Amino acid sequence: MNHFGYNKKSKFIVETIQALHMKLDVFMYNLVHYNPYEIVLYVWINKLYTKGKTTEDAVQLIYKARNILLLKQNREICSHLIIF
């Protein structure tokens, strides 16, 4: 991969992280310290870049995937609650 491709990918990653309202330095710090949330987001961002998605599409897909993941994990916790 030439340096132009690397810059394009880096720009996509940075724009996506910022669009998710995350601070880039905090995200990278947590990523290199193996925090699971940042690792999952980084993998998702890389996959979306590989598929040729735009930053806007990537953000929307990450929001949807994150909500599905969070709702799936909390379904057992919240199943006993009655919401009126």
N, C-alpha and C. Protein backbone atom coordinates (compact mmCIF):
# COMPACT_ATOMS: atom_id res chain seq x y z
N MET A 1 0.86 -1.18 0.00
CA MET A 1 0.00 0.00 0.00
C MET A 1 0.90 1.23 0.00
N ASN A 2 0.66 2.12 -0.90
CA ASN A 2 1.48 3.33 -0.94
C ASN A 2 1.04 4.32 0.13
N HIS A 3 1.80 5.37 0.29
CA HIS A 3 1.49 6.31 1.36
C HIS A 3 0.20 7.07 1.13
N PHE A 4 -0.25 7.20 -0.10
CA PHE A 4 -1.52 7.88 -0.35
C PHE A 4 -2.68 7.05 0.20
N GLY A 5 -2.62 5.74 0.00
CA GLY A 5 -3.65 4.86 0.55
C GLY A 5 -3.65 4.88 2.06
N TYR A 6 -2.47 4.93 2.64
CA TYR A 6 -2.36 4.98 4.10
C TYR A 6 -2.99 6.27 4.62
N ASN A 7 -2.71 7.38 3.97
CA ASN A 7 -3.28 8.66 4.41
C ASN A 7 -4.80 8.65 4.29
N LYS A 8 -5.31 8.04 3.23
CA LYS A 8 -6.76 7.97 3.04
C LYS A 8 -7.41 7.14 4.16
N LYS A 9 -6.78 6.02 4.49
CA LYS A 9 -7.31 5.16 5.56
C LYS A 9 -7.22 5.87 6.91
N SER A 10 -6.10 6.52 7.17
CA SER A 10 -5.93 7.25 8.43
C SER A 10 -6.97 8.35 8.57
N LYS A 11 -7.21 9.06 7.47
CA LYS A 11 -8.21 10.14 7.49
C LYS A 11 -9.59 9.56 7.78
N PHE A 12 -9.92 8.42 7.18
CA PHE A 12 -11.21 7.77 7.42
C PHE A 12 -11.35 7.39 8.89
N ILE A 13 -10.30 6.81 9.45
CA ILE A 13 -10.34 6.39 10.86
C ILE A 13 -10.53 7.59 11.77
N VAL A 14 -9.75 8.64 11.54
CA VAL A 14 -9.84 9.85 12.38
C VAL A 14 -11.22 10.49 12.27
N GLU A 15 -11.71 10.65 11.06
CA GLU A 15 -13.02 11.27 10.86
C GLU A 15 -14.14 10.45 11.51
N THR A 16 -14.04 9.15 11.42
CA THR A 16 -15.07 8.28 12.01
C THR A 16 -15.05 8.39 13.53
N ILE A 17 -13.87 8.35 14.11
CA ILE A 17 -13.75 8.46 15.58
C ILE A 17 -14.29 9.80 16.05
N GLN A 18 -13.94 10.86 15.35
CA GLN A 18 -14.43 12.19 15.73
C GLN A 18 -15.94 12.30 15.53
N ALA A 19 -16.47 11.67 14.49
CA ALA A 19 -17.91 11.71 14.25
C ALA A 19 -18.68 10.95 15.33
N LEU A 20 -18.00 10.01 15.98
CA LEU A 20 -18.61 9.28 17.10
C LEU A 20 -18.49 10.06 18.41
N HIS A 21 -18.03 11.29 18.32
CA HIS A 21 -17.88 12.20 19.47
C HIS A 21 -16.92 11.66 20.50
N MET A 22 -15.82 11.12 20.00
CA MET A 22 -14.77 10.60 20.87
C MET A 22 -13.51 11.41 20.63
N LYS A 23 -12.72 11.61 21.68
CA LYS A 23 -11.45 12.30 21.54
C LYS A 23 -10.43 11.32 21.00
N LEU A 24 -9.74 11.74 19.96
CA LEU A 24 -8.81 10.85 19.27
C LEU A 24 -7.69 10.36 20.18
N ASP A 25 -7.13 11.26 20.98
CA ASP A 25 -6.02 10.84 21.85
C ASP A 25 -6.47 9.86 22.92
N VAL A 26 -7.66 10.05 23.45
CA VAL A 26 -8.19 9.12 24.46
C VAL A 26 -8.50 7.77 23.81
N PHE A 27 -9.09 7.81 22.61
CA PHE A 27 -9.39 6.58 21.89
C PHE A 27 -8.11 5.78 21.64
N MET A 28 -7.08 6.44 21.13
CA MET A 28 -5.83 5.75 20.81
C MET A 28 -5.15 5.23 22.08
N TYR A 29 -5.19 5.99 23.15
CA TYR A 29 -4.62 5.53 24.41
C TYR A 29 -5.31 4.26 24.88
N ASN A 30 -6.65 4.28 24.84
CA ASN A 30 -7.40 3.10 25.26
C ASN A 30 -7.18 1.93 24.31
N LEU A 31 -7.01 2.21 23.03
CA LEU A 31 -6.78 1.15 22.05
C LEU A 31 -5.45 0.44 22.31
N VAL A 32 -4.39 1.20 22.54
CA VAL A 32 -3.08 0.57 22.77
C VAL A 32 -2.99 -0.11 24.12
N HIS A 33 -3.93 0.21 25.02
CA HIS A 33 -3.98 -0.46 26.32
C HIS A 33 -5.05 -1.56 26.34
N TYR A 34 -5.46 -1.98 25.15
CA TYR A 34 -6.35 -3.14 24.95
C TYR A 34 -7.71 -3.03 25.64
N ASN A 35 -8.29 -1.85 25.66
CA ASN A 35 -9.65 -1.73 26.17
C ASN A 35 -10.61 -2.32 25.14
N PRO A 36 -11.48 -3.23 25.56
CA PRO A 36 -12.33 -3.96 24.61
C PRO A 36 -13.20 -3.08 23.73
N TYR A 37 -13.77 -2.02 24.27
CA TYR A 37 -14.66 -1.17 23.50
C TYR A 37 -13.93 -0.55 22.31
N GLU A 38 -12.75 0.01 22.57
CA GLU A 38 -11.99 0.64 21.50
C GLU A 38 -11.49 -0.38 20.49
N ILE A 39 -11.15 -1.58 20.94
CA ILE A 39 -10.71 -2.62 20.01
C ILE A 39 -11.84 -3.00 19.07
N VAL A 40 -13.03 -3.18 19.61
CA VAL A 40 -14.19 -3.53 18.77
C VAL A 40 -14.47 -2.42 17.77
N LEU A 41 -14.47 -1.17 18.22
CA LEU A 41 -14.71 -0.05 17.32
C LEU A 41 -13.65 0.02 16.22
N TYR A 42 -12.39 -0.18 16.59
CA TYR A 42 -11.32 -0.12 15.61
C TYR A 42 -11.46 -1.21 14.55
N VAL A 43 -11.83 -2.41 14.98
CA VAL A 43 -12.05 -3.51 14.03
C VAL A 43 -13.21 -3.18 13.10
N TRP A 44 -14.31 -2.67 13.66
CA TRP A 44 -15.46 -2.29 12.85
C TRP A 44 -15.08 -1.21 11.83
N ILE A 45 -14.35 -0.19 12.27
CA ILE A 45 -13.95 0.90 11.39
C ILE A 45 -13.09 0.37 10.25
N ASN A 46 -12.15 -0.50 10.56
CA ASN A 46 -11.29 -1.08 9.52
C ASN A 46 -12.10 -1.89 8.51
N LYS A 47 -13.05 -2.67 9.00
CA LYS A 47 -13.88 -3.47 8.09
C LYS A 47 -14.73 -2.57 7.19
N LEU A 48 -15.26 -1.50 7.76
CA LEU A 48 -16.09 -0.59 6.97
C LEU A 48 -15.25 0.16 5.93
N TYR A 49 -14.02 0.49 6.28
CA TYR A 49 -13.12 1.12 5.32
C TYR A 49 -12.83 0.16 4.16
N THR A 50 -12.56 -1.10 4.50
CA THR A 50 -12.27 -2.11 3.49
C THR A 50 -13.45 -2.30 2.54
N LYS A 51 -14.66 -2.16 3.07
CA LYS A 51 -15.86 -2.31 2.24
C LYS A 51 -16.18 -1.05 1.43
N GLY A 52 -15.41 0.01 1.63
CA GLY A 52 -15.59 1.22 0.84
C GLY A 52 -16.70 2.13 1.33
N LYS A 53 -17.08 2.03 2.57
CA LYS A 53 -18.15 2.88 3.12
C LYS A 53 -17.65 4.30 3.34
N THR A 54 -18.56 5.24 3.30
CA THR A 54 -18.21 6.63 3.63
C THR A 54 -18.18 6.76 5.15
N THR A 55 -17.62 7.87 5.61
CA THR A 55 -17.58 8.12 7.05
C THR A 55 -18.99 8.17 7.63
N GLU A 56 -19.90 8.82 6.93
CA GLU A 56 -21.28 8.95 7.41
C GLU A 56 -21.95 7.58 7.50
N ASP A 57 -21.75 6.75 6.48
CA ASP A 57 -22.31 5.40 6.50
C ASP A 57 -21.70 4.59 7.64
N ALA A 58 -20.41 4.74 7.83
CA ALA A 58 -19.72 3.99 8.88
C ALA A 58 -20.27 4.36 10.26
N VAL A 59 -20.47 5.64 10.48
CA VAL A 59 -20.99 6.08 11.78
C VAL A 59 -22.38 5.52 12.02
N GLN A 60 -23.24 5.58 11.02
CA GLN A 60 -24.60 5.05 11.17
C GLN A 60 -24.59 3.55 11.43
N LEU A 61 -23.75 2.82 10.71
CA LEU A 61 -23.67 1.37 10.92
C LEU A 61 -23.10 1.03 12.28
N ILE A 62 -22.12 1.80 12.75
CA ILE A 62 -21.55 1.57 14.08
C ILE A 62 -22.59 1.84 15.15
N TYR A 63 -23.37 2.92 15.00
CA TYR A 63 -24.44 3.20 15.97
C TYR A 63 -25.44 2.04 16.02
N LYS A 64 -25.84 1.55 14.86
CA LYS A 64 -26.80 0.45 14.82
C LYS A 64 -26.22 -0.82 15.45
N ALA A 65 -24.99 -1.15 15.08
CA ALA A 65 -24.35 -2.36 15.62
C ALA A 65 -24.14 -2.24 17.12
N ARG A 66 -23.76 -1.07 17.58
CA ARG A 66 -23.54 -0.86 19.01
C ARG A 66 -24.85 -1.00 19.78
N ASN A 67 -25.92 -0.45 19.25
CA ASN A 67 -27.22 -0.58 19.91
C ASN A 67 -27.68 -2.03 19.97
N ILE A 68 -27.50 -2.76 18.88
CA ILE A 68 -27.88 -4.18 18.86
C ILE A 68 -27.06 -4.94 19.90
N LEU A 69 -25.77 -4.68 19.94
CA LEU A 69 -24.90 -5.36 20.90
C LEU A 69 -25.29 -5.04 22.34
N LEU A 70 -25.53 -3.76 22.61
CA LEU A 70 -25.90 -3.36 23.97
C LEU A 70 -27.26 -3.89 24.36
N LEU A 71 -28.23 -3.86 23.45
CA LEU A 71 -29.56 -4.37 23.76
C LEU A 71 -29.54 -5.88 23.97
N LYS A 72 -28.74 -6.57 23.18
CA LYS A 72 -28.64 -8.02 23.32
C LYS A 72 -28.07 -8.40 24.69
N GLN A 73 -27.05 -7.68 25.13
CA GLN A 73 -26.42 -7.98 26.41
C GLN A 73 -27.32 -7.60 27.59
N ASN A 74 -28.11 -6.56 27.43
CA ASN A 74 -28.94 -6.08 28.55
C ASN A 74 -30.34 -6.66 28.53
N ARG A 75 -30.65 -7.50 27.56
CA ARG A 75 -32.00 -8.04 27.46
C ARG A 75 -32.34 -8.85 28.71
N GLU A 76 -31.40 -9.66 29.19
CA GLU A 76 -31.67 -10.46 30.37
C GLU A 76 -31.82 -9.60 31.61
N ILE A 77 -31.01 -8.55 31.70
CA ILE A 77 -31.06 -7.66 32.85
C ILE A 77 -32.38 -6.90 32.89
N CYS A 78 -32.84 -6.45 31.72
CA CYS A 78 -34.04 -5.61 31.64
C CYS A 78 -35.32 -6.40 31.43
N SER A 79 -35.24 -7.70 31.27
CA SER A 79 -36.44 -8.47 30.94
C SER A 79 -37.46 -8.48 32.08
N HIS A 80 -37.02 -8.27 33.30
CA HIS A 80 -37.96 -8.28 34.42
C HIS A 80 -38.61 -6.91 34.66
N LEU A 81 -38.13 -5.87 33.98
CA LEU A 81 -38.69 -4.54 34.16
C LEU A 81 -39.96 -4.38 33.32
N ILE A 82 -40.91 -3.69 33.87
CA ILE A 82 -42.14 -3.38 33.15
C ILE A 82 -42.12 -1.88 32.87
N ILE A 83 -42.20 -1.55 31.59
CA ILE A 83 -42.18 -0.15 31.20
C ILE A 83 -43.57 0.24 30.74
N PHE A 84 -44.11 1.29 31.32
CA PHE A 84 -45.43 1.76 30.98
C PHE A 84 -45.36 2.89 29.99
